[in-house]
Amino acid sequence: MRVFAHDVFPPAVPAGVQAVYSGDGQKPFVDLIWAPVTSADLAGYNIYRREADGAAVRLDSELVKSPSYRDAAVASGKTYFYSVSATDTRGNESAHSEEASESVP
């Protein structure tokens, strides 16, 4: 009989999420950065965004491979709240990070 260990443990929660608005004289966007997760089986990150009283919605259609993301689908006069999760090669997803917020003027 063979026993296979089934990995059900998600990677660490991403930390240090920061959101920074840019866009003077150009299309506005918010850049996100966070501390890389160092799990050996890390597959990538999911990015979530919500508005003041809304539910968080996943922004990426495929896992983000680096610890940064640009959200170009922002509108003036809104404040956005971002969180990031890490996913491993087996599809185990961490909890969401603490939120970072940014206002678009």
PDB file of N, CA and C in Angstrom:
ATOM      1  N   MET A   1       0.836  -1.171   0.000  1.00  0.00           N
ATOM      2  CA  MET A   1       0.000   0.000   0.000  1.00  0.00           C
ATOM      3  C   MET A   1       0.891   1.249   0.000  1.00  0.00           C
ATOM      4  N   ARG A   2       0.523   2.218  -0.848  1.00  0.00           N
ATOM      5  CA  ARG A   2       1.288   3.460  -0.900  1.00  0.00           C
ATOM      6  C   ARG A   2       0.451   4.594  -0.334  1.00  0.00           C
ATOM      7  N   VAL A   3       1.100   5.456   0.395  1.00  0.00           N
ATOM      8  CA  VAL A   3       0.421   6.603   0.976  1.00  0.00           C
ATOM      9  C   VAL A   3       0.965   7.859   0.305  1.00  0.00           C
ATOM     10  N   PHE A   4       0.054   8.688  -0.183  1.00  0.00           N
ATOM     11  CA  PHE A   4       0.457   9.943  -0.797  1.00  0.00           C
ATOM     12  C   PHE A   4       0.037  11.087   0.129  1.00  0.00           C
ATOM     13  N   ALA A   5       0.970  11.942   0.432  1.00  0.00           N
ATOM     14  CA  ALA A   5       0.638  13.120   1.235  1.00  0.00           C
ATOM     15  C   ALA A   5      -0.064  14.116   0.328  1.00  0.00           C
ATOM     16  N   HIS A   6      -1.245  14.503   0.704  1.00  0.00           N
ATOM     17  CA  HIS A   6      -1.988  15.476  -0.093  1.00  0.00           C
ATOM     18  C   HIS A   6      -1.788  16.850   0.529  1.00  0.00           C
ATOM     19  N   ASP A   7      -1.194  17.748  -0.227  1.00  0.00           N
ATOM     20  CA  ASP A   7      -0.895  19.089   0.261  1.00  0.00           C
ATOM     21  C   ASP A   7      -2.181  19.913   0.297  1.00  0.00           C
ATOM     22  N   VAL A   8      -2.670  20.189   1.483  1.00  0.00           N
ATOM     23  CA  VAL A   8      -3.861  21.018   1.620  1.00  0.00           C
ATOM     24  C   VAL A   8      -3.531  22.321   2.340  1.00  0.00           C
ATOM     25  N   PHE A   9      -2.240  22.607   2.478  1.00  0.00           N
ATOM     26  CA  PHE A   9      -1.817  23.789   3.223  1.00  0.00           C
ATOM     27  C   PHE A   9      -1.529  24.942   2.268  1.00  0.00           C
ATOM     28  N   PRO A  10      -2.224  26.049   2.427  1.00  0.00           N
ATOM     29  CA  PRO A  10      -1.976  27.187   1.538  1.00  0.00           C
ATOM     30  C   PRO A  10      -0.659  27.872   1.865  1.00  0.00           C
ATOM     31  N   PRO A  11      -0.145  28.657   0.926  1.00  0.00           N
ATOM     32  CA  PRO A  11       1.062  29.445   1.201  1.00  0.00           C
ATOM     33  C   PRO A  11       0.771  30.537   2.235  1.00  0.00           C
ATOM     34  N   ALA A  12       1.815  31.219   2.642  1.00  0.00           N
ATOM     35  CA  ALA A  12       1.669  32.327   3.593  1.00  0.00           C
ATOM     36  C   ALA A  12       0.840  33.447   2.976  1.00  0.00           C
ATOM     37  N   VAL A  13       0.209  34.213   3.844  1.00  0.00           N
ATOM     38  CA  VAL A  13      -0.573  35.365   3.397  1.00  0.00           C
ATOM     39  C   VAL A  13       0.395  36.479   2.985  1.00  0.00           C
ATOM     40  N   PRO A  14       0.197  37.084   1.805  1.00  0.00           N
ATOM     41  CA  PRO A  14       1.068  38.194   1.411  1.00  0.00           C
ATOM     42  C   PRO A  14       0.981  39.347   2.429  1.00  0.00           C
ATOM     43  N   ALA A  15       2.111  39.982   2.656  1.00  0.00           N
ATOM     44  CA  ALA A  15       2.187  41.059   3.652  1.00  0.00           C
ATOM     45  C   ALA A  15       2.697  42.341   3.004  1.00  0.00           C
ATOM     46  N   GLY A  16       2.450  43.442   3.678  1.00  0.00           N
ATOM     47  CA  GLY A  16       3.002  44.725   3.244  1.00  0.00           C
ATOM     48  C   GLY A  16       2.401  45.261   1.960  1.00  0.00           C
ATOM     49  N   VAL A  17       1.115  44.998   1.725  1.00  0.00           N
ATOM     50  CA  VAL A  17       0.479  45.475   0.488  1.00  0.00           C
ATOM     51  C   VAL A  17       0.381  47.001   0.525  1.00  0.00           C
ATOM     52  N   GLN A  18       0.831  47.623  -0.555  1.00  0.00           N
ATOM     53  CA  GLN A  18       0.742  49.072  -0.695  1.00  0.00           C
ATOM     54  C   GLN A  18       0.091  49.392  -2.031  1.00  0.00           C
ATOM     55  N   ALA A  19      -0.776  50.407  -2.019  1.00  0.00           N
ATOM     56  CA  ALA A  19      -1.444  50.865  -3.237  1.00  0.00           C
ATOM     57  C   ALA A  19      -1.060  52.316  -3.474  1.00  0.00           C
ATOM     58  N   VAL A  20      -0.617  52.625  -4.691  1.00  0.00           N
ATOM     59  CA  VAL A  20      -0.152  53.972  -5.011  1.00  0.00           C
ATOM     60  C   VAL A  20      -0.806  54.450  -6.301  1.00  0.00           C
ATOM     61  N   TYR A  21      -1.492  55.582  -6.216  1.00  0.00           N
ATOM     62  CA  TYR A  21      -2.140  56.181  -7.386  1.00  0.00           C
ATOM     63  C   TYR A  21      -1.119  56.913  -8.246  1.00  0.00           C
ATOM     64  N   SER A  22      -1.274  56.792  -9.558  1.00  0.00           N
ATOM     65  CA  SER A  22      -0.513  57.598 -10.516  1.00  0.00           C
ATOM     66  C   SER A  22      -1.463  58.014 -11.628  1.00  0.00           C
ATOM     67  N   GLY A  23      -1.099  59.041 -12.362  1.00  0.00           N
ATOM     68  CA  GLY A  23      -1.930  59.349 -13.512  1.00  0.00           C
ATOM     69  C   GLY A  23      -2.076  60.807 -13.847  1.00  0.00           C
ATOM     70  N   ASP A  24      -1.247  61.681 -13.305  1.00  0.00           N
ATOM     71  CA  ASP A  24      -1.351  63.089 -13.689  1.00  0.00           C
ATOM     72  C   ASP A  24      -1.068  63.227 -15.177  1.00  0.00           C
ATOM     73  N   GLY A  25      -2.045  63.774 -15.900  1.00  0.00           N
ATOM     74  CA  GLY A  25      -1.859  64.002 -17.325  1.00  0.00           C
ATOM     75  C   GLY A  25      -1.906  62.737 -18.167  1.00  0.00           C
ATOM     76  N   GLN A  26      -2.333  61.641 -17.593  1.00  0.00           N
ATOM     77  CA  GLN A  26      -2.446  60.390 -18.348  1.00  0.00           C
ATOM     78  C   GLN A  26      -3.595  59.591 -17.760  1.00  0.00           C
ATOM     79  N   LYS A  27      -3.835  58.422 -18.347  1.00  0.00           N
ATOM     80  CA  LYS A  27      -4.898  57.561 -17.831  1.00  0.00           C
ATOM     81  C   LYS A  27      -4.547  57.150 -16.399  1.00  0.00           C
ATOM     82  N   PRO A  28      -5.482  57.337 -15.450  1.00  0.00           N
ATOM     83  CA  PRO A  28      -5.157  57.014 -14.060  1.00  0.00           C
ATOM     84  C   PRO A  28      -5.009  55.512 -13.836  1.00  0.00           C
ATOM     85  N   PHE A  29      -4.162  55.150 -12.894  1.00  0.00           N
ATOM     86  CA  PHE A  29      -4.032  53.749 -12.497  1.00  0.00           C
ATOM     87  C   PHE A  29      -3.540  53.693 -11.062  1.00  0.00           C
ATOM     88  N   VAL A  30      -3.693  52.526 -10.461  1.00  0.00           N
ATOM     89  CA  VAL A  30      -3.189  52.279  -9.109  1.00  0.00           C
ATOM     90  C   VAL A  30      -2.219  51.113  -9.208  1.00  0.00           C
ATOM     91  N   ASP A  31      -1.007  51.329  -8.728  1.00  0.00           N
ATOM     92  CA  ASP A  31      -0.005  50.262  -8.681  1.00  0.00           C
ATOM     93  C   ASP A  31      -0.011  49.631  -7.300  1.00  0.00           C
ATOM     94  N   LEU A  32       0.012  48.310  -7.272  1.00  0.00           N
ATOM     95  CA  LEU A  32       0.099  47.563  -6.024  1.00  0.00           C
ATOM     96  C   LEU A  32       1.446  46.880  -5.934  1.00  0.00           C
ATOM     97  N   ILE A  33       2.030  46.884  -4.741  1.00  0.00           N
ATOM     98  CA  ILE A  33       3.240  46.100  -4.487  1.00  0.00           C
ATOM     99  C   ILE A  33       3.072  45.436  -3.124  1.00  0.00           C
ATOM    100  N   TRP A  34       3.764  44.318  -2.932  1.00  0.00           N
ATOM    101  CA  TRP A  34       3.728  43.624  -1.644  1.00  0.00           C
ATOM    102  C   TRP A  34       4.983  42.782  -1.509  1.00  0.00           C
ATOM    103  N   ALA A  35       5.214  42.304  -0.291  1.00  0.00           N
ATOM    104  CA  ALA A  35       6.386  41.473  -0.033  1.00  0.00           C
ATOM    105  C   ALA A  35       6.186  40.104  -0.673  1.00  0.00           C
ATOM    106  N   PRO A  36       7.176  39.586  -1.400  1.00  0.00           N
ATOM    107  CA  PRO A  36       7.020  38.285  -2.041  1.00  0.00           C
ATOM    108  C   PRO A  36       6.823  37.171  -1.015  1.00  0.00           C
ATOM    109  N   VAL A  37       5.962  36.213  -1.358  1.00  0.00           N
ATOM    110  CA  VAL A  37       5.804  35.003  -0.544  1.00  0.00           C
ATOM    111  C   VAL A  37       6.886  34.021  -0.986  1.00  0.00           C
ATOM    112  N   THR A  38       7.572  33.395  -0.036  1.00  0.00           N
ATOM    113  CA  THR A  38       8.745  32.584  -0.373  1.00  0.00           C
ATOM    114  C   THR A  38       8.473  31.083  -0.381  1.00  0.00           C
ATOM    115  N   SER A  39       7.192  30.678  -0.440  1.00  0.00           N
ATOM    116  CA  SER A  39       6.882  29.247  -0.490  1.00  0.00           C
ATOM    117  C   SER A  39       7.482  28.627  -1.752  1.00  0.00           C
ATOM    118  N   ALA A  40       8.095  27.445  -1.595  1.00  0.00           N
ATOM    119  CA  ALA A  40       8.725  26.779  -2.735  1.00  0.00           C
ATOM    120  C   ALA A  40       7.708  26.419  -3.815  1.00  0.00           C
ATOM    121  N   ASP A  41       6.458  26.137  -3.406  1.00  0.00           N
ATOM    122  CA  ASP A  41       5.449  25.713  -4.381  1.00  0.00           C
ATOM    123  C   ASP A  41       4.490  26.844  -4.762  1.00  0.00           C
ATOM    124  N   LEU A  42       4.929  28.094  -4.569  1.00  0.00           N
ATOM    125  CA  LEU A  42       4.086  29.233  -4.932  1.00  0.00           C
ATOM    126  C   LEU A  42       3.807  29.229  -6.436  1.00  0.00           C
ATOM    127  N   ALA A  43       2.528  29.354  -6.797  1.00  0.00           N
ATOM    128  CA  ALA A  43       2.167  29.434  -8.216  1.00  0.00           C
ATOM    129  C   ALA A  43       1.932  30.878  -8.641  1.00  0.00           C
ATOM    130  N   GLY A  44       1.470  31.703  -7.712  1.00  0.00           N
ATOM    131  CA  GLY A  44       1.212  33.097  -8.048  1.00  0.00           C
ATOM    132  C   GLY A  44       0.249  33.729  -7.066  1.00  0.00           C
ATOM    133  N   TYR A  45      -0.262  34.896  -7.458  1.00  0.00           N
ATOM    134  CA  TYR A  45      -1.093  35.701  -6.571  1.00  0.00           C
ATOM    135  C   TYR A  45      -2.429  36.014  -7.229  1.00  0.00           C
ATOM    136  N   ASN A  46      -3.448  36.201  -6.395  1.00  0.00           N
ATOM    137  CA  ASN A  46      -4.734  36.727  -6.838  1.00  0.00           C
ATOM    138  C   ASN A  46      -4.896  38.113  -6.244  1.00  0.00           C
ATOM    139  N   ILE A  47      -5.469  39.016  -7.036  1.00  0.00           N
ATOM    140  CA  ILE A  47      -5.655  40.399  -6.627  1.00  0.00           C
ATOM    141  C   ILE A  47      -7.156  40.644  -6.461  1.00  0.00           C
ATOM    142  N   TYR A  48      -7.547  41.208  -5.347  1.00  0.00           N
ATOM    143  CA  TYR A  48      -8.960  41.507  -5.077  1.00  0.00           C
ATOM    144  C   TYR A  48      -9.125  42.993  -4.827  1.00  0.00           C
ATOM    145  N   ARG A  49     -10.265  43.519  -5.310  1.00  0.00           N
ATOM    146  CA  ARG A  49     -10.562  44.942  -5.115  1.00  0.00           C
ATOM    147  C   ARG A  49     -12.017  45.083  -4.719  1.00  0.00           C
ATOM    148  N   ARG A  50     -12.250  46.025  -3.814  1.00  0.00           N
ATOM    149  CA  ARG A  50     -13.636  46.356  -3.488  1.00  0.00           C
ATOM    150  C   ARG A  50     -13.752  47.860  -3.334  1.00  0.00           C
ATOM    151  N   GLU A  51     -14.990  48.339  -3.449  1.00  0.00           N
ATOM    152  CA  GLU A  51     -15.277  49.735  -3.153  1.00  0.00           C
ATOM    153  C   GLU A  51     -15.903  49.788  -1.764  1.00  0.00           C
ATOM    154  N   ALA A  52     -16.117  51.009  -1.267  1.00  0.00           N
ATOM    155  CA  ALA A  52     -16.455  51.240   0.140  1.00  0.00           C
ATOM    156  C   ALA A  52     -17.396  50.210   0.761  1.00  0.00           C
ATOM    157  N   ASP A  53     -18.548  49.981   0.178  1.00  0.00           N
ATOM    158  CA  ASP A  53     -19.490  49.064   0.816  1.00  0.00           C
ATOM    159  C   ASP A  53     -19.763  47.843  -0.056  1.00  0.00           C
ATOM    160  N   GLY A  54     -18.830  47.530  -0.925  1.00  0.00           N
ATOM    161  CA  GLY A  54     -19.035  46.398  -1.831  1.00  0.00           C
ATOM    162  C   GLY A  54     -18.248  45.176  -1.419  1.00  0.00           C
ATOM    163  N   ALA A  55     -18.494  44.096  -2.117  1.00  0.00           N
ATOM    164  CA  ALA A  55     -17.754  42.853  -1.891  1.00  0.00           C
ATOM    165  C   ALA A  55     -16.467  42.876  -2.717  1.00  0.00           C
ATOM    166  N   ALA A  56     -15.457  42.169  -2.239  1.00  0.00           N
ATOM    167  CA  ALA A  56     -14.191  42.086  -2.968  1.00  0.00           C
ATOM    168  C   ALA A  56     -14.374  41.229  -4.222  1.00  0.00           C
ATOM    169  N   VAL A  57     -13.840  41.715  -5.333  1.00  0.00           N
ATOM    170  CA  VAL A  57     -13.925  41.030  -6.620  1.00  0.00           C
ATOM    171  C   VAL A  57     -12.506  40.742  -7.100  1.00  0.00           C
ATOM    172  N   ARG A  58     -12.298  39.535  -7.610  1.00  0.00           N
ATOM    173  CA  ARG A  58     -10.965  39.188  -8.137  1.00  0.00           C
ATOM    174  C   ARG A  58     -10.730  39.926  -9.450  1.00  0.00           C
ATOM    175  N   LEU A  59      -9.583  40.577  -9.568  1.00  0.00           N
ATOM    176  CA  LEU A  59      -9.275  41.363 -10.764  1.00  0.00           C
ATOM    177  C   LEU A  59      -8.533  40.564 -11.827  1.00  0.00           C
ATOM    178  N   ASP A  60      -7.686  39.627 -11.408  1.00  0.00           N
ATOM    179  CA  ASP A  60      -6.854  38.910 -12.374  1.00  0.00           C
ATOM    180  C   ASP A  60      -7.594  37.697 -12.925  1.00  0.00           C
ATOM    181  N   SER A  61      -7.394  37.417 -14.216  1.00  0.00           N
ATOM    182  CA  SER A  61      -7.989  36.211 -14.811  1.00  0.00           C
ATOM    183  C   SER A  61      -7.021  35.040 -14.735  1.00  0.00           C
ATOM    184  N   GLU A  62      -5.737  35.332 -14.651  1.00  0.00           N
ATOM    185  CA  GLU A  62      -4.710  34.306 -14.454  1.00  0.00           C
ATOM    186  C   GLU A  62      -3.844  34.752 -13.287  1.00  0.00           C
ATOM    187  N   LEU A  63      -3.229  33.791 -12.609  1.00  0.00           N
ATOM    188  CA  LEU A  63      -2.395  34.126 -11.458  1.00  0.00           C
ATOM    189  C   LEU A  63      -1.315  35.131 -11.838  1.00  0.00           C
ATOM    190  N   VAL A  64      -1.117  36.116 -10.984  1.00  0.00           N
ATOM    191  CA  VAL A  64      -0.069  37.113 -11.171  1.00  0.00           C
ATOM    192  C   VAL A  64       1.227  36.506 -10.644  1.00  0.00           C
ATOM    193  N   LYS A  65       2.276  36.533 -11.471  1.00  0.00           N
ATOM    194  CA  LYS A  65       3.516  35.820 -11.127  1.00  0.00           C
ATOM    195  C   LYS A  65       4.483  36.636 -10.287  1.00  0.00           C
ATOM    196  N   SER A  66       4.406  37.957 -10.346  1.00  0.00           N
ATOM    197  CA  SER A  66       5.344  38.786  -9.589  1.00  0.00           C
ATOM    198  C   SER A  66       4.582  39.547  -8.500  1.00  0.00           C
ATOM    199  N   PRO A  67       5.286  40.050  -7.479  1.00  0.00           N
ATOM    200  CA  PRO A  67       4.614  40.731  -6.378  1.00  0.00           C
ATOM    201  C   PRO A  67       4.272  42.192  -6.688  1.00  0.00           C
ATOM    202  N   SER A  68       3.600  42.383  -7.829  1.00  0.00           N
ATOM    203  CA  SER A  68       3.142  43.719  -8.202  1.00  0.00           C
ATOM    204  C   SER A  68       1.991  43.574  -9.197  1.00  0.00           C
ATOM    205  N   TYR A  69       1.155  44.613  -9.263  1.00  0.00           N
ATOM    206  CA  TYR A  69      -0.006  44.577 -10.157  1.00  0.00           C
ATOM    207  C   TYR A  69      -0.413  46.006 -10.443  1.00  0.00           C
ATOM    208  N   ARG A  70      -0.815  46.268 -11.688  1.00  0.00           N
ATOM    209  CA  ARG A  70      -1.321  47.592 -12.062  1.00  0.00           C
ATOM    210  C   ARG A  70      -2.805  47.480 -12.386  1.00  0.00           C
ATOM    211  N   ASP A  71      -3.604  48.258 -11.661  1.00  0.00           N
ATOM    212  CA  ASP A  71      -5.048  48.320 -11.911  1.00  0.00           C
ATOM    213  C   ASP A  71      -5.326  49.584 -12.704  1.00  0.00           C
ATOM    214  N   ALA A  72      -5.606  49.419 -14.005  1.00  0.00           N
ATOM    215  CA  ALA A  72      -5.871  50.576 -14.868  1.00  0.00           C
ATOM    216  C   ALA A  72      -7.366  50.829 -15.012  1.00  0.00           C
ATOM    217  N   ALA A  73      -8.202  50.023 -14.359  1.00  0.00           N
ATOM    218  CA  ALA A  73      -9.661  50.178 -14.475  1.00  0.00           C
ATOM    219  C   ALA A  73     -10.199  50.936 -13.269  1.00  0.00           C
ATOM    220  N   VAL A  74      -9.630  52.138 -13.047  1.00  0.00           N
ATOM    221  CA  VAL A  74     -10.053  52.948 -11.910  1.00  0.00           C
ATOM    222  C   VAL A  74     -10.751  54.209 -12.412  1.00  0.00           C
ATOM    223  N   ALA A  75     -11.619  54.763 -11.574  1.00  0.00           N
ATOM    224  CA  ALA A  75     -12.387  55.947 -11.952  1.00  0.00           C
ATOM    225  C   ALA A  75     -12.132  57.073 -10.960  1.00  0.00           C
ATOM    226  N   SER A  76     -12.151  58.303 -11.461  1.00  0.00           N
ATOM    227  CA  SER A  76     -11.944  59.479 -10.605  1.00  0.00           C
ATOM    228  C   SER A  76     -13.014  59.552  -9.529  1.00  0.00           C
ATOM    229  N   GLY A  77     -12.591  60.027  -8.362  1.00  0.00           N
ATOM    230  CA  GLY A  77     -13.532  60.247  -7.277  1.00  0.00           C
ATOM    231  C   GLY A  77     -13.871  59.008  -6.477  1.00  0.00           C
ATOM    232  N   LYS A  78     -13.203  57.899  -6.745  1.00  0.00           N
ATOM    233  CA  LYS A  78     -13.494  56.660  -6.012  1.00  0.00           C
ATOM    234  C   LYS A  78     -12.316  56.264  -5.137  1.00  0.00           C
ATOM    235  N   THR A  79     -12.626  55.566  -4.058  1.00  0.00           N
ATOM    236  CA  THR A  79     -11.600  54.970  -3.205  1.00  0.00           C
ATOM    237  C   THR A  79     -11.716  53.462  -3.343  1.00  0.00           C
ATOM    238  N   TYR A  80     -10.583  52.819  -3.552  1.00  0.00           N
ATOM    239  CA  TYR A  80     -10.551  51.372  -3.744  1.00  0.00           C
ATOM    240  C   TYR A  80      -9.780  50.716  -2.605  1.00  0.00           C
ATOM    241  N   PHE A  81     -10.204  49.509  -2.264  1.00  0.00           N
ATOM    242  CA  PHE A  81      -9.563  48.718  -1.219  1.00  0.00           C
ATOM    243  C   PHE A  81      -9.052  47.436  -1.856  1.00  0.00           C
ATOM    244  N   TYR A  82      -7.767  47.176  -1.710  1.00  0.00           N
ATOM    245  CA  TYR A  82      -7.134  46.039  -2.366  1.00  0.00           C
ATOM    246  C   TYR A  82      -6.637  45.026  -1.348  1.00  0.00           C
ATOM    247  N   SER A  83      -6.726  43.755  -1.715  1.00  0.00           N
ATOM    248  CA  SER A  83      -6.086  42.697  -0.930  1.00  0.00           C
ATOM    249  C   SER A  83      -5.516  41.668  -1.903  1.00  0.00           C
ATOM    250  N   VAL A  84      -4.558  40.897  -1.410  1.00  0.00           N
ATOM    251  CA  VAL A  84      -3.834  39.938  -2.246  1.00  0.00           C
ATOM    252  C   VAL A  84      -3.826  38.594  -1.527  1.00  0.00           C
ATOM    253  N   SER A  85      -3.965  37.508  -2.292  1.00  0.00           N
ATOM    254  CA  SER A  85      -3.785  36.170  -1.726  1.00  0.00           C
ATOM    255  C   SER A  85      -2.709  35.457  -2.533  1.00  0.00           C
ATOM    256  N   ALA A  86      -2.116  34.438  -1.923  1.00  0.00           N
ATOM    257  CA  ALA A  86      -1.114  33.617  -2.608  1.00  0.00           C
ATOM    258  C   ALA A  86      -1.722  32.242  -2.872  1.00  0.00           C
ATOM    259  N   THR A  87      -1.367  31.648  -4.007  1.00  0.00           N
ATOM    260  CA  THR A  87      -1.877  30.331  -4.390  1.00  0.00           C
ATOM    261  C   THR A  87      -0.708  29.428  -4.738  1.00  0.00           C
ATOM    262  N   ASP A  88      -0.775  28.169  -4.289  1.00  0.00           N
ATOM    263  CA  ASP A  88       0.313  27.242  -4.602  1.00  0.00           C
ATOM    264  C   ASP A  88      -0.017  26.391  -5.827  1.00  0.00           C
ATOM    265  N   THR A  89       0.920  25.548  -6.206  1.00  0.00           N
ATOM    266  CA  THR A  89       0.777  24.765  -7.436  1.00  0.00           C
ATOM    267  C   THR A  89      -0.367  23.753  -7.367  1.00  0.00           C
ATOM    268  N   ARG A  90      -0.866  23.447  -6.168  1.00  0.00           N
ATOM    269  CA  ARG A  90      -2.016  22.552  -6.038  1.00  0.00           C
ATOM    270  C   ARG A  90      -3.336  23.304  -5.959  1.00  0.00           C
ATOM    271  N   GLY A  91      -3.266  24.622  -6.037  1.00  0.00           N
ATOM    272  CA  GLY A  91      -4.490  25.413  -6.021  1.00  0.00           C
ATOM    273  C   GLY A  91      -4.957  25.819  -4.639  1.00  0.00           C
ATOM    274  N   ASN A  92      -4.152  25.571  -3.609  1.00  0.00           N
ATOM    275  CA  ASN A  92      -4.503  26.029  -2.270  1.00  0.00           C
ATOM    276  C   ASN A  92      -4.271  27.535  -2.189  1.00  0.00           C
ATOM    277  N   GLU A  93      -5.298  28.263  -1.770  1.00  0.00           N
ATOM    278  CA  GLU A  93      -5.211  29.725  -1.727  1.00  0.00           C
ATOM    279  C   GLU A  93      -5.145  30.192  -0.279  1.00  0.00           C
ATOM    280  N   SER A  94      -4.248  31.145  -0.017  1.00  0.00           N
ATOM    281  CA  SER A  94      -4.123  31.704   1.327  1.00  0.00           C
ATOM    282  C   SER A  94      -5.320  32.601   1.627  1.00  0.00           C
ATOM    283  N   ALA A  95      -5.405  33.006   2.876  1.00  0.00           N
ATOM    284  CA  ALA A  95      -6.351  34.067   3.230  1.00  0.00           C
ATOM    285  C   ALA A  95      -5.916  35.357   2.533  1.00  0.00           C
ATOM    286  N   HIS A  96      -6.824  36.322   2.489  1.00  0.00           N
ATOM    287  CA  HIS A  96      -6.479  37.608   1.884  1.00  0.00           C
ATOM    288  C   HIS A  96      -5.578  38.398   2.826  1.00  0.00           C
ATOM    289  N   SER A  97      -4.708  39.197   2.232  1.00  0.00           N
ATOM    290  CA  SER A  97      -3.848  40.083   3.008  1.00  0.00           C
ATOM    291  C   SER A  97      -4.684  41.160   3.689  1.00  0.00           C
ATOM    292  N   GLU A  98      -4.027  41.918   4.549  1.00  0.00           N
ATOM    293  CA  GLU A  98      -4.665  43.133   5.042  1.00  0.00           C
ATOM    294  C   GLU A  98      -4.890  44.049   3.840  1.00  0.00           C
ATOM    295  N   GLU A  99      -5.952  44.847   3.922  1.00  0.00           N
ATOM    296  CA  GLU A  99      -6.273  45.713   2.793  1.00  0.00           C
ATOM    297  C   GLU A  99      -5.391  46.949   2.746  1.00  0.00           C
ATOM    298  N   ALA A 100      -5.130  47.385   1.520  1.00  0.00           N
ATOM    299  CA  ALA A 100      -4.503  48.689   1.284  1.00  0.00           C
ATOM    300  C   ALA A 100      -5.530  49.506   0.507  1.00  0.00           C
ATOM    301  N   SER A 101      -5.703  50.761   0.866  1.00  0.00           N
ATOM    302  CA  SER A 101      -6.687  51.582   0.164  1.00  0.00           C
ATOM    303  C   SER A 101      -5.992  52.731  -0.547  1.00  0.00           C
ATOM    304  N   GLU A 102      -6.644  53.183  -1.618  1.00  0.00           N
ATOM    305  CA  GLU A 102      -6.119  54.344  -2.356  1.00  0.00           C
ATOM    306  C   GLU A 102      -7.298  55.065  -2.999  1.00  0.00           C
ATOM    307  N   SER A 103      -7.223  56.383  -2.981  1.00  0.00           N
ATOM    308  CA  SER A 103      -8.261  57.214  -3.601  1.00  0.00           C
ATOM    309  C   SER A 103      -7.759  57.736  -4.943  1.00  0.00           C
ATOM    310  N   VAL A 104      -8.667  57.773  -5.896  1.00  0.00           N
ATOM    311  CA  VAL A 104      -8.354  58.322  -7.217  1.00  0.00           C
ATOM    312  C   VAL A 104      -8.992  59.709  -7.285  1.00  0.00           C
ATOM    313  N   PRO A 105      -8.181  60.749  -7.439  1.00  0.00           N
ATOM    314  CA  PRO A 105      -8.743  62.119  -7.430  1.00  0.00           C
ATOM    315  C   PRO A 105      -9.633  62.400  -8.637  1.00  0.00           C
TER     316      PRO A 105
END
